[in-house]
Amino acid sequence: IICTIGPKTKSVEMITKLREAGMNIVRMNFSHGSYEYHGEVIANARKSYEQDPMGGNLLAIALDTKGPEIRTGMTVGNENVMLEKGTRLTVTTDEAKKDECSASLIYMDYKNLPKVMSIGGIIFVDDGLIALKCVSIDAGAGTLECEVVNSGLLGSKKGCNLPEVDVDLPALSQKDKADLAFAVEQNVDMIFASFIRKAQDVRDVRACLVAADPVIGKRIRIVSKIENHEGVRNFDAILAETDGVMVARGDLGMEIPMEKVWMAQKMMITKCKAAGKYVVTATEMLASMEDKPFPTRAEACDVANAVLDGTNAVMLSSESAMGDFPVETVTTMRRIVEEAEHAMASVKVLVDA
C-alpha cells in the first residue's frame, strides 16, 4: 500500500500510525512542496522506522516527479474566471500574455501547441473540468481559437491535457533533473517517473540518476507512470527498460477515452506479470474517503479487482495526503486487499462468503 504524504500526515507519529495500519511505501509528490518539506518527510519516515522497526511494515520511500506538463498562466488578479459554454476565446503561447488569462484569452506554456493541435481537437483544462474545442489555428501568431464545450471556473496555473496528441516535450525538465539529484542525495528507494511516453524516457531518467551517483543511481528503482496514449502505444518497449509500471488512471483517463481505461489497466497488469515486473494501480481508489470514514461499494470492488488482476501495489493520493481519515483509509484498503488475496488463494473463500 502506497500512501502520498501531505501536511496532515508528515509527522513521525502519523507516519507510524499509517505503517501500523498497513502502509508500505511513502510517496512524495514533487509537483508540490519544497526540498525542505520533502526532506522532513524522508527524515520522519526513517525516524518512525528506527523508533519502532517491528511496530509496522518495512518502509520504502518513493519520489514522484512532476514530469513534462502543460499549464495555463495566471488569471488577471489571480481571480477565478467563469468560462461559459458556447463562447469563444483565444489560446495563446505568447509569454507576454502569461499573466493575463481571462474569459477571452488563455495562455498555455507549450510553444508547439499550434503545430500539434488540429481543428476539432479537444484541450482539457483542470482535469477535464473545462473542455475547449479548437475551431481555427494561426501558427504564425501562436494562437488557437477555441469554443468552450462545458462551462467552468478557470483558475491560475491549471494543468492541460491534449487527448490523442503526440506532445514533443522533453522527458525531463530542469526541475525534474534537480529533483532526481535530490532523490540520489537522499538515497530514496524508487522513482515514480511521470508521463513516460517511450523507452528513451526511461533511459534518460536512469542516466540522470547515475550521473548524480553511479552506485546509488543504479540501485534506485524506476517505476514508469503510463499517463497518455503514447505510453500505452509504446508500452512493450517501455516495459523492457523499466523496473516497474504505474497505471496512473487520472491523467490516463483524460488522454484516452474513459471507457477504455479499464482495458489499458488490465493489459498493463497482465504484461507486467508476464515480464516479472511489478505494477502499481493508482488514482481515485478510495477517493470518497477523503471526507468520509467509509468507501463506496464501487471503490471497494475497484481495489479488490486490481488485486485479483495481479497488481503488486495500490496507491492512495489525496486520501492520505489531505483527507480527514488517512489512517481509516489505509486500514480499509488493507482489509480489502487481504480479502482479495485470500480469495486468490482459495476459490472456497468465495463460496463461503
Protein backbone atom coordinates (compact mmCIF):
# COMPACT_ATOMS: atom_id res chain seq x y z
CA ILE A 1 0.00 0.00 0.00
CA ILE A 2 1.48 3.31 -1.14
CA CYS A 3 0.49 6.49 0.72
CA THR A 4 1.04 10.02 -0.52
CA ILE A 5 2.24 12.07 2.44
CA GLY A 6 0.90 15.60 2.91
CA PRO A 7 0.95 18.22 5.66
CA LYS A 8 -1.63 16.27 7.69
CA THR A 9 0.39 13.07 7.69
CA LYS A 10 4.06 14.11 7.62
CA SER A 11 4.78 13.81 11.36
CA VAL A 12 6.64 10.84 12.83
CA GLU A 13 3.53 9.96 14.84
CA MET A 14 1.23 9.94 11.80
CA ILE A 15 3.68 8.01 9.63
CA THR A 16 3.94 5.40 12.39
CA LYS A 17 0.13 5.14 12.54
CA LEU A 18 -0.03 4.70 8.77
CA ARG A 19 2.63 1.98 8.96
CA GLU A 20 0.66 0.20 11.65
CA ALA A 21 -2.47 0.47 9.50
CA GLY A 22 -0.74 -1.12 6.51
CA MET A 23 1.36 1.43 4.61
CA ASN A 24 4.46 0.00 2.90
CA ILE A 25 5.68 2.90 0.76
CA VAL A 26 5.84 6.65 1.44
CA ARG A 27 5.17 8.70 -1.71
CA MET A 28 6.26 12.31 -2.06
CA ASN A 29 4.59 14.28 -4.85
CA PHE A 30 7.19 16.67 -6.28
CA SER A 31 4.55 18.67 -8.13
CA HIS A 32 4.19 20.38 -4.75
CA GLY A 33 6.41 21.28 -1.82
CA SER A 34 9.98 22.44 -1.23
CA TYR A 35 13.13 20.37 -0.74
CA GLU A 36 13.00 21.34 2.92
CA TYR A 37 9.48 19.92 3.21
CA HIS A 38 10.26 16.68 1.39
CA GLY A 39 13.50 16.28 3.32
CA GLU A 40 11.46 16.48 6.53
CA VAL A 41 9.10 13.76 5.26
CA ILE A 42 12.04 11.47 4.47
CA ALA A 43 13.66 12.10 7.86
CA ASN A 44 10.38 11.49 9.70
CA ALA A 45 9.72 8.26 7.78
CA ARG A 46 13.15 6.92 8.65
CA LYS A 47 12.81 8.05 12.25
CA SER A 48 9.47 6.22 12.50
CA TYR A 49 11.10 3.00 11.38
CA GLU A 50 14.15 3.45 13.62
CA GLN A 51 11.96 4.07 16.67
CA ASP A 52 9.78 1.03 16.09
CA PRO A 53 11.03 -1.31 13.34
CA MET A 54 8.66 -4.09 14.42
CA GLY A 55 5.64 -1.88 15.06
CA GLY A 56 4.59 -1.68 11.44
CA ASN A 57 5.57 -2.54 7.91
CA LEU A 58 9.01 -2.14 6.41
CA LEU A 59 9.07 1.22 4.72
CA ALA A 60 10.29 2.27 1.27
CA ILE A 61 10.48 5.88 0.10
CA ALA A 62 9.38 6.99 -3.37
CA LEU A 63 9.82 10.32 -5.15
CA ASP A 64 7.14 11.10 -7.74
CA THR A 65 8.46 13.52 -10.37
CA LYS A 66 6.46 16.43 -11.72
CA GLY A 67 7.28 15.41 -15.28
CA PRO A 68 6.62 17.26 -18.53
CA GLU A 69 3.31 19.07 -18.39
CA ILE A 70 1.35 21.90 -19.95
CA ARG A 71 -0.19 24.58 -17.74
CA THR A 72 -2.23 27.72 -18.16
CA GLY A 73 -0.92 31.08 -16.99
CA MET A 74 -2.14 33.32 -14.19
CA THR A 75 -5.62 34.78 -14.33
CA VAL A 76 -5.94 38.55 -14.02
CA GLY A 77 -5.72 39.37 -10.32
CA ASN A 78 -5.39 35.63 -9.63
CA GLU A 79 -9.20 35.50 -9.55
CA ASN A 80 -11.23 32.56 -10.86
CA VAL A 81 -12.80 33.29 -14.25
CA MET A 82 -16.12 31.80 -15.43
CA LEU A 83 -15.96 30.32 -18.92
CA GLU A 84 -19.44 29.94 -20.42
CA LYS A 85 -20.40 27.05 -22.70
CA GLY A 86 -20.60 28.06 -26.35
CA THR A 87 -18.42 31.17 -26.07
CA ARG A 88 -15.18 31.53 -27.98
CA LEU A 89 -11.76 32.52 -26.72
CA THR A 90 -8.15 32.71 -27.85
CA VAL A 91 -5.49 30.32 -26.59
CA THR A 92 -2.02 31.86 -26.92
CA THR A 93 1.55 30.65 -26.39
CA ASP A 94 2.89 34.22 -26.17
CA GLU A 95 4.73 34.51 -22.84
CA ALA A 96 3.95 38.22 -22.72
CA LYS A 97 0.35 37.18 -22.02
CA LYS A 98 1.11 34.61 -19.31
CA ASP A 99 -0.39 36.74 -16.51
CA GLU A 100 -3.42 37.90 -18.49
CA CYS A 101 -5.72 34.85 -18.58
CA SER A 102 -9.37 35.87 -18.80
CA ALA A 103 -12.71 34.79 -20.27
CA SER A 104 -11.44 35.77 -23.73
CA LEU A 105 -7.73 34.80 -23.56
CA ILE A 106 -5.87 31.84 -22.06
CA TYR A 107 -2.08 31.45 -22.08
CA MET A 108 -0.63 27.90 -22.25
CA ASP A 109 3.08 27.26 -21.74
CA TYR A 110 3.63 24.91 -24.69
CA LYS A 111 5.18 26.71 -27.67
CA ASN A 112 4.38 23.97 -30.17
CA LEU A 113 0.69 23.84 -29.30
CA PRO A 114 -0.46 25.36 -32.64
CA LYS A 115 1.73 22.85 -34.53
CA VAL A 116 0.44 19.70 -32.83
CA MET A 117 -3.23 20.63 -32.49
CA SER A 118 -5.75 20.06 -35.25
CA ILE A 119 -9.12 21.67 -35.92
CA GLY A 120 -11.76 19.81 -33.94
CA GLY A 121 -9.20 18.71 -31.35
CA ILE A 122 -10.01 19.00 -27.64
CA ILE A 123 -7.98 20.58 -24.85
CA PHE A 124 -8.92 19.53 -21.32
CA VAL A 125 -8.12 22.02 -18.56
CA ASP A 126 -8.03 21.31 -14.81
CA ASP A 127 -8.61 17.53 -15.01
CA GLY A 128 -11.36 17.94 -17.58
CA LEU A 129 -13.47 20.40 -15.61
CA ILE A 130 -13.16 22.65 -18.67
CA ALA A 131 -13.03 21.41 -22.27
CA LEU A 132 -12.05 23.60 -25.22
CA LYS A 133 -12.63 22.65 -28.86
CA CYS A 134 -10.18 24.04 -31.43
CA VAL A 135 -12.01 25.80 -34.28
CA SER A 136 -9.11 27.58 -36.00
CA ILE A 137 -5.31 27.80 -35.82
CA ASP A 138 -2.91 30.66 -36.54
CA ALA A 139 0.52 29.03 -36.29
CA GLY A 140 2.31 32.26 -37.17
CA ALA A 141 0.74 34.13 -34.28
CA GLY A 142 0.99 31.11 -31.97
CA THR A 143 -2.74 31.12 -31.25
CA LEU A 144 -5.80 28.91 -31.42
CA GLU A 145 -9.41 29.99 -31.48
CA CYS A 146 -11.41 27.66 -29.26
CA GLU A 147 -15.02 27.12 -28.29
CA VAL A 148 -15.87 26.37 -24.66
CA VAL A 149 -17.53 22.93 -24.62
CA ASN A 150 -18.60 22.96 -20.98
CA SER A 151 -18.89 25.84 -18.52
CA GLY A 152 -16.47 26.03 -15.63
CA LEU A 153 -14.29 28.20 -13.42
CA LEU A 154 -10.75 28.78 -14.67
CA GLY A 155 -8.11 29.34 -12.01
CA SER A 156 -4.40 30.09 -12.32
CA LYS A 157 -1.77 27.59 -13.49
CA LYS A 158 -4.13 24.70 -14.24
CA GLY A 159 -2.92 21.53 -15.94
CA CYS A 160 -3.87 20.84 -19.55
CA ASN A 161 -4.30 17.54 -21.40
CA LEU A 162 -4.29 17.03 -25.17
CA PRO A 163 -6.07 13.72 -25.89
CA GLU A 164 -4.66 11.68 -28.78
CA VAL A 165 -1.99 14.32 -29.49
CA ASP A 166 1.73 13.42 -29.68
CA VAL A 167 3.34 16.02 -27.41
CA ASP A 168 7.04 16.66 -28.04
CA LEU A 169 8.00 17.92 -24.59
CA PRO A 170 11.31 16.59 -23.17
CA ALA A 171 11.00 13.67 -20.75
CA LEU A 172 12.84 15.61 -18.03
CA SER A 173 12.51 19.30 -17.24
CA GLN A 174 15.26 21.18 -15.40
CA LYS A 175 13.18 20.82 -12.24
CA ASP A 176 12.94 17.05 -12.76
CA LYS A 177 16.72 16.79 -13.13
CA ALA A 178 17.25 18.72 -9.90
CA ASP A 179 14.63 16.57 -8.16
CA LEU A 180 16.33 13.36 -9.29
CA ALA A 181 19.65 14.65 -7.94
CA PHE A 182 17.85 15.30 -4.64
CA ALA A 183 16.50 11.73 -4.73
CA VAL A 184 20.03 10.36 -5.06
CA GLU A 185 21.30 12.67 -2.31
CA GLN A 186 18.54 11.38 -0.01
CA ASN A 187 19.11 7.76 -1.10
CA VAL A 188 15.42 7.09 -1.79
CA ASP A 189 14.29 3.65 -2.88
CA MET A 190 12.34 4.38 -6.04
CA ILE A 191 11.32 7.00 -8.56
CA PHE A 192 7.78 7.26 -9.88
CA ALA A 193 8.63 8.79 -13.26
CA SER A 194 5.71 10.83 -14.61
CA PHE A 195 4.43 10.90 -18.20
CA ILE A 196 6.74 8.25 -19.61
CA ARG A 197 5.94 8.06 -23.32
CA LYS A 198 8.73 5.93 -24.80
CA ALA A 199 11.63 3.70 -23.80
CA GLN A 200 14.17 6.50 -24.21
CA ASP A 201 12.40 8.44 -21.46
CA VAL A 202 13.23 5.64 -19.00
CA ARG A 203 16.84 5.61 -20.15
CA ASP A 204 17.01 9.38 -19.66
CA VAL A 205 15.76 9.05 -16.07
CA ARG A 206 18.33 6.33 -15.33
CA ALA A 207 21.15 8.37 -16.89
CA CYS A 208 20.24 11.36 -14.73
CA LEU A 209 20.27 9.23 -11.57
CA VAL A 210 23.59 7.58 -12.44
CA ALA A 211 25.14 10.96 -13.27
CA ALA A 212 24.39 12.09 -9.72
CA ASP A 213 25.93 8.95 -8.19
CA PRO A 214 26.88 5.80 -10.16
CA VAL A 215 26.18 3.41 -7.28
CA ILE A 216 23.04 4.89 -5.73
CA GLY A 217 21.70 5.96 -9.12
CA LYS A 218 21.88 2.41 -10.42
CA ARG A 219 20.23 0.97 -7.29
CA ILE A 220 17.16 3.23 -7.26
CA ARG A 221 14.20 1.54 -8.93
CA ILE A 222 12.30 3.34 -11.70
CA VAL A 223 8.52 2.92 -11.86
CA SER A 224 7.26 4.36 -15.14
CA LYS A 225 3.90 6.12 -14.93
CA ILE A 226 1.80 5.47 -18.03
CA GLU A 227 -0.43 8.52 -18.39
CA ASN A 228 -1.24 9.01 -22.06
CA HIS A 229 -1.89 7.23 -25.36
CA GLU A 230 1.80 7.35 -26.34
CA GLY A 231 2.76 5.44 -23.22
CA VAL A 232 0.07 2.85 -23.91
CA ARG A 233 1.09 2.55 -27.57
CA ASN A 234 4.80 2.14 -26.68
CA PHE A 235 4.15 0.01 -23.61
CA ASP A 236 6.13 -3.08 -24.66
CA ALA A 237 9.29 -1.06 -25.31
CA ILE A 238 8.87 0.87 -22.05
CA LEU A 239 8.35 -2.37 -20.12
CA ALA A 240 11.64 -3.74 -21.44
CA GLU A 241 13.54 -0.77 -19.94
CA THR A 242 11.73 -0.03 -16.68
CA ASP A 243 11.83 -1.76 -13.30
CA GLY A 244 8.10 -1.36 -12.78
CA VAL A 245 4.97 0.37 -14.05
CA MET A 246 2.28 2.56 -12.53
CA VAL A 247 -1.17 2.56 -14.12
CA ALA A 248 -1.80 6.28 -13.49
CA ARG A 249 -5.51 6.40 -14.20
CA GLY A 250 -6.03 10.11 -13.52
CA ASP A 251 -4.25 11.69 -16.47
CA LEU A 252 -4.68 8.50 -18.49
CA GLY A 253 -8.45 8.97 -18.24
CA MET A 254 -8.03 12.43 -19.76
CA GLU A 255 -5.74 11.27 -22.56
CA ILE A 256 -7.61 8.17 -23.74
CA PRO A 257 -11.39 7.58 -23.76
CA MET A 258 -12.60 6.94 -20.22
CA GLU A 259 -14.38 3.75 -21.28
CA LYS A 260 -11.03 2.28 -22.34
CA VAL A 261 -9.07 2.96 -19.13
CA TRP A 262 -10.08 -0.38 -17.57
CA MET A 263 -8.83 -2.17 -20.70
CA ALA A 264 -5.48 -0.39 -20.58
CA GLN A 265 -5.19 -1.21 -16.86
CA LYS A 266 -5.76 -4.92 -17.39
CA MET A 267 -3.41 -5.03 -20.38
CA MET A 268 -0.58 -3.38 -18.44
CA ILE A 269 -1.02 -5.52 -15.34
CA THR A 270 -1.08 -8.71 -17.42
CA LYS A 271 2.07 -7.79 -19.36
CA CYS A 272 3.92 -6.73 -16.20
CA LYS A 273 3.16 -10.05 -14.53
CA ALA A 274 4.29 -11.96 -17.63
CA ALA A 275 7.55 -9.98 -17.66
CA GLY A 276 8.12 -10.46 -13.93
CA LYS A 277 7.97 -6.73 -13.24
CA TYR A 278 5.97 -5.03 -10.53
CA VAL A 279 2.94 -2.89 -11.22
CA VAL A 280 1.08 -0.23 -9.23
CA THR A 281 -2.58 0.69 -9.70
CA ALA A 282 -3.31 4.29 -8.75
CA THR A 283 -5.81 7.17 -8.66
CA GLU A 284 -9.23 7.50 -7.03
CA MET A 285 -9.06 4.07 -5.44
CA LEU A 286 -10.79 5.23 -2.24
CA ALA A 287 -11.43 8.85 -3.21
CA SER A 288 -14.67 9.22 -1.26
CA MET A 289 -12.76 8.54 1.97
CA GLU A 290 -11.08 11.92 1.65
CA ASP A 291 -14.08 13.31 3.54
CA LYS A 292 -16.00 10.18 4.62
CA PRO A 293 -14.99 7.38 7.03
CA PHE A 294 -16.03 4.63 4.58
CA PRO A 295 -15.68 3.98 0.83
CA THR A 296 -18.33 3.44 -1.80
CA ARG A 297 -19.02 -0.19 -2.69
CA ALA A 298 -17.70 0.53 -6.20
CA GLU A 299 -14.37 1.72 -4.73
CA ALA A 300 -14.08 -1.40 -2.58
CA CYS A 301 -14.66 -3.53 -5.67
CA ASP A 302 -12.13 -1.47 -7.64
CA VAL A 303 -9.37 -2.12 -5.10
CA ALA A 304 -10.21 -5.82 -4.90
CA ASN A 305 -10.36 -6.24 -8.67
CA ALA A 306 -6.95 -4.60 -9.07
CA VAL A 307 -5.55 -7.21 -6.68
CA LEU A 308 -7.34 -10.03 -8.50
CA ASP A 309 -5.92 -8.72 -11.80
CA GLY A 310 -2.44 -9.13 -10.30
CA THR A 311 -1.34 -5.66 -9.22
CA ASN A 312 1.55 -5.58 -6.73
CA ALA A 313 0.57 -2.31 -5.08
CA VAL A 314 -2.36 0.05 -4.74
CA MET A 315 -1.90 3.75 -4.12
CA LEU A 316 -3.61 6.50 -2.15
CA SER A 317 -3.23 10.11 -3.25
CA SER A 318 -5.27 12.93 -1.72
CA GLU A 319 -6.97 10.39 0.57
CA SER A 320 -3.79 10.12 2.67
CA ALA A 321 -2.20 13.48 1.81
CA MET A 322 -5.12 15.79 2.55
CA GLY A 323 -8.02 13.61 3.70
CA ASP A 324 -9.84 13.71 7.01
CA PHE A 325 -9.48 9.95 7.60
CA PRO A 326 -5.99 8.87 6.46
CA VAL A 327 -5.48 6.05 8.99
CA GLU A 328 -9.00 4.72 8.48
CA THR A 329 -8.44 4.79 4.71
CA VAL A 330 -5.26 2.71 4.92
CA THR A 331 -6.96 0.28 7.32
CA THR A 332 -9.89 -0.09 4.93
CA MET A 333 -7.58 -0.61 1.95
CA ARG A 334 -5.58 -3.24 3.83
CA ARG A 335 -8.76 -5.16 4.75
CA ILE A 336 -9.98 -5.15 1.14
CA VAL A 337 -6.56 -6.21 -0.18
CA GLU A 338 -6.30 -9.04 2.35
CA GLU A 339 -9.76 -10.35 1.42
CA ALA A 340 -8.86 -10.28 -2.27
CA GLU A 341 -5.57 -12.07 -1.64
CA HIS A 342 -7.36 -14.75 0.37
CA ALA A 343 -9.84 -15.19 -2.47
CA MET A 344 -6.98 -15.67 -4.92
CA ALA A 345 -5.56 -18.39 -2.68
CA SER A 346 -8.79 -20.33 -2.40
CA VAL A 347 -11.92 -20.42 -4.52
CA LYS A 348 -13.69 -21.84 -1.45
CA VAL A 349 -13.49 -18.42 0.22
CA LEU A 350 -15.77 -17.02 -2.47
CA VAL A 351 -18.24 -19.86 -1.96
CA ASP A 352 -18.30 -19.32 1.82
CA ALA A 353 -18.55 -15.51 1.63
